[in-house]
Amino acid sequence: MLRTLHKAHLKPRRPILRPVTHAVVLIRAEREALHKLGGQLAEIDGVSEAWSVTGEWDFVAMIRVGDPEQLAKVVTESLAQLPGIARTYTMTAFRTYSEHDLEAMFSIGG
């Protein structure tokens, strides 16, 4: 005897999530680059956000990529090669506690 399953009886499917490598990069800029560097940082593939900040560092870039190899390419081949960057300090995240990525992934519209 076949039984029809109702949606209420089905367990919700979990989406297949790709792993994401996160890093925060602190950036010290040369004075003449301060006015244009933020926009250039934001245009780099893999940089999800870029902020100008006060204190010892001039900018903070949040990087979200698929794997550590991509992270290395973004930091060494794209970001650090921008003219006007005097120094960078990269911190790779081991674990993410924020739901920022999940919320963004499932938001519709905006």
Protein backbone atom coordinates (compact mmCIF):
# COMPACT_ATOMS: atom_id res chain seq x y z
CA MET A 1 0.00 0.00 0.00
CA LEU A 2 1.46 3.33 -1.05
CA ARG A 3 1.13 6.27 1.22
CA THR A 4 1.26 9.87 0.09
CA LEU A 5 3.64 12.01 2.06
CA HIS A 6 2.55 15.49 2.89
CA LYS A 7 5.03 18.34 2.95
CA ALA A 8 4.52 18.70 6.68
CA HIS A 9 5.99 15.23 7.20
CA LEU A 10 9.11 15.80 5.14
CA LYS A 11 12.27 16.99 6.79
CA PRO A 12 13.51 20.23 5.28
CA ARG A 13 16.49 19.76 3.02
CA ARG A 14 19.68 21.41 4.09
CA PRO A 15 21.28 23.41 1.32
CA ILE A 16 24.62 22.26 0.03
CA LEU A 17 27.04 24.90 1.25
CA ARG A 18 30.44 25.39 -0.28
CA PRO A 19 33.25 25.92 2.17
CA VAL A 20 34.42 29.50 2.45
CA THR A 21 37.80 30.73 3.59
CA HIS A 22 37.61 34.05 5.43
CA ALA A 23 40.41 36.50 6.12
CA VAL A 24 40.72 39.99 7.50
CA VAL A 25 43.51 42.07 5.99
CA LEU A 26 44.78 45.20 7.71
CA ILE A 27 46.29 47.67 5.25
CA ARG A 28 48.63 50.60 5.77
CA ALA A 29 48.57 52.96 2.81
CA GLU A 30 50.93 55.61 1.55
CA ARG A 31 49.50 59.09 2.08
CA GLU A 32 49.02 59.83 -1.63
CA ALA A 33 46.95 56.65 -2.10
CA LEU A 34 44.47 57.24 0.72
CA HIS A 35 41.81 58.89 -1.45
CA LYS A 36 41.59 56.15 -4.10
CA LEU A 37 42.69 52.91 -2.46
CA GLY A 38 39.35 52.05 -0.81
CA GLY A 39 37.56 51.84 -4.15
CA GLN A 40 40.36 49.80 -5.66
CA LEU A 41 40.24 47.33 -2.78
CA ALA A 42 36.48 46.90 -3.14
CA GLU A 43 36.86 46.03 -6.84
CA ILE A 44 39.15 43.04 -6.23
CA ASP A 45 37.48 39.64 -6.73
CA GLY A 46 37.30 37.96 -3.35
CA VAL A 47 37.16 41.19 -1.33
CA SER A 48 33.63 41.22 0.05
CA GLU A 49 33.99 44.47 2.00
CA ALA A 50 36.57 47.21 2.40
CA TRP A 51 36.52 49.89 5.09
CA SER A 52 38.62 52.95 5.78
CA VAL A 53 39.42 52.99 9.48
CA THR A 54 41.15 55.11 12.09
CA GLY A 55 44.18 54.08 14.09
CA GLU A 56 47.39 52.33 13.17
CA TRP A 57 45.94 50.91 9.93
CA ASP A 58 44.21 52.82 7.12
CA PHE A 59 41.96 50.14 5.61
CA VAL A 60 40.47 46.78 6.51
CA ALA A 61 39.51 44.32 3.78
CA MET A 62 37.31 41.28 4.39
CA ILE A 63 38.12 38.44 2.01
CA ARG A 64 35.78 35.52 1.36
CA VAL A 65 36.98 32.90 -1.13
CA GLY A 66 36.46 29.20 -1.81
CA ASP A 67 39.77 27.85 -0.53
CA PRO A 68 43.15 28.84 0.93
CA GLU A 69 44.81 28.81 -2.52
CA GLN A 70 42.40 31.49 -3.71
CA LEU A 71 43.11 33.47 -0.55
CA ALA A 72 46.83 33.38 -1.29
CA LYS A 73 46.21 34.63 -4.83
CA VAL A 74 43.96 37.47 -3.70
CA VAL A 75 46.41 38.66 -1.04
CA THR A 76 49.72 38.23 -2.88
CA GLU A 77 48.75 38.73 -6.54
CA SER A 78 45.90 41.23 -6.35
CA LEU A 79 45.74 43.15 -3.09
CA ALA A 80 49.40 43.55 -2.18
CA GLN A 81 50.29 44.58 -5.73
CA LEU A 82 48.09 47.67 -5.68
CA PRO A 83 50.14 50.86 -5.85
CA GLY A 84 50.06 52.78 -2.60
CA ILE A 85 49.94 49.83 -0.22
CA ALA A 86 52.82 50.16 2.22
CA ARG A 87 52.10 47.11 4.41
CA THR A 88 49.50 44.41 4.99
CA TYR A 89 48.74 42.10 7.89
CA THR A 90 46.52 39.10 7.09
CA MET A 91 44.53 37.14 9.65
CA THR A 92 42.88 33.95 8.41
CA ALA A 93 39.76 32.80 10.25
CA PHE A 94 39.62 29.24 11.56
CA ARG A 95 35.93 29.32 12.40
CA THR A 96 33.11 31.76 11.70
CA TYR A 97 30.63 32.53 14.45
CA SER A 98 28.58 35.12 12.57
CA GLU A 99 25.55 34.18 10.54
CA HIS A 100 26.34 36.92 8.00
CA ASP A 101 27.08 34.44 5.21
CA LEU A 102 24.02 32.29 5.83
CA GLU A 103 21.71 35.29 6.02
CA ALA A 104 23.11 36.75 2.82
CA MET A 105 22.86 33.41 1.04
CA PHE A 106 19.18 32.94 1.83
CA SER A 107 17.97 36.52 1.58
CA ILE A 108 15.71 37.22 -1.34
CA GLY A 109 15.50 40.70 -2.75
CA GLY A 110 17.46 42.72 -0.28
